[in-house]
Amino acid sequence: MVELLRTNDIALVSAVSALLDEVGIPHQVADQNMSVLEGSILAIQRRILVPDAHLPEARELLADSGWV
């Protein structure tokens, strides 16, 4: 698994996760629980991880969406 995106924007994490689900790209949201525990100081960012083989497709999808 490799990192596709790192952000504190909860809405962006949700939207990207839904987009990846829609096209069938497997992914994992890492550090979600840690970012909740640390509160509102935004020190720990959430990461979206995808399998190595899907990284080019996932990056292209994000670029086409205009979100990243």
Protein backbone atom coordinates (compact mmCIF):
# COMPACT_ATOMS: atom_id res chain seq x y z
CA MET A 1 0.00 0.00 0.00
CA VAL A 2 1.21 3.48 -0.87
CA GLU A 3 -0.02 6.90 0.15
CA LEU A 4 -2.34 8.59 -2.31
CA LEU A 5 -3.42 11.53 -0.18
CA ARG A 6 -2.68 13.10 3.22
CA THR A 7 -5.02 15.74 4.60
CA ASN A 8 -6.85 17.12 7.63
CA ASP A 9 -9.94 17.80 5.50
CA ILE A 10 -12.49 15.22 6.64
CA ALA A 11 -14.84 16.05 3.77
CA LEU A 12 -12.08 15.49 1.20
CA VAL A 13 -11.19 12.13 2.74
CA SER A 14 -14.83 11.09 2.56
CA ALA A 15 -15.25 12.30 -1.03
CA VAL A 16 -12.06 10.64 -2.28
CA SER A 17 -12.95 7.42 -0.48
CA ALA A 18 -16.40 7.42 -2.12
CA LEU A 19 -14.85 8.12 -5.54
CA LEU A 20 -12.41 5.23 -5.14
CA ASP A 21 -15.26 2.96 -4.03
CA GLU A 22 -17.29 3.98 -7.08
CA VAL A 23 -14.60 2.90 -9.54
CA GLY A 24 -13.56 -0.17 -7.56
CA ILE A 25 -10.10 0.88 -6.41
CA PRO A 26 -9.34 -0.78 -3.06
CA HIS A 27 -8.15 1.64 -0.41
CA GLN A 28 -7.67 2.19 3.30
CA VAL A 29 -7.98 5.33 5.42
CA ALA A 30 -5.06 5.34 7.84
CA ASP A 31 -4.64 7.38 11.03
CA GLN A 32 -8.36 8.07 11.23
CA ASN A 33 -8.59 7.03 14.87
CA MET A 34 -5.42 8.88 15.84
CA SER A 35 -6.62 12.12 14.28
CA VAL A 36 -9.84 11.86 16.31
CA LEU A 37 -7.93 11.25 19.54
CA GLU A 38 -5.65 14.26 19.13
CA GLY A 39 -8.62 16.61 18.98
CA SER A 40 -8.87 19.80 16.99
CA ILE A 41 -5.19 20.77 16.78
CA LEU A 42 -4.94 19.00 13.40
CA ALA A 43 -1.48 17.58 14.13
CA ILE A 44 -2.17 14.13 12.71
CA GLN A 45 -3.43 13.97 9.16
CA ARG A 46 -5.53 11.17 7.70
CA ARG A 47 -3.95 9.22 4.86
CA ILE A 48 -5.62 7.37 2.02
CA LEU A 49 -3.61 4.33 0.96
CA VAL A 50 -4.05 2.33 -2.23
CA PRO A 51 -2.29 -0.81 -3.51
CA ASP A 52 0.87 -0.06 -5.49
CA ALA A 53 -0.66 -1.36 -8.72
CA HIS A 54 -3.62 1.05 -8.46
CA LEU A 55 -1.62 4.20 -7.68
CA PRO A 56 -1.37 5.57 -11.26
CA GLU A 57 -5.10 5.04 -11.85
CA ALA A 58 -6.02 6.61 -8.49
CA ARG A 59 -3.78 9.65 -9.11
CA GLU A 60 -5.33 10.15 -12.54
CA LEU A 61 -8.81 9.89 -11.04
CA LEU A 62 -8.00 12.58 -8.46
CA ALA A 63 -6.44 14.84 -11.09
CA ASP A 64 -9.50 14.47 -13.33
CA SER A 65 -11.83 15.24 -10.41
CA GLY A 66 -10.04 18.54 -9.73
CA TRP A 67 -9.93 17.90 -5.97
CA VAL A 68 -6.18 17.50 -5.73
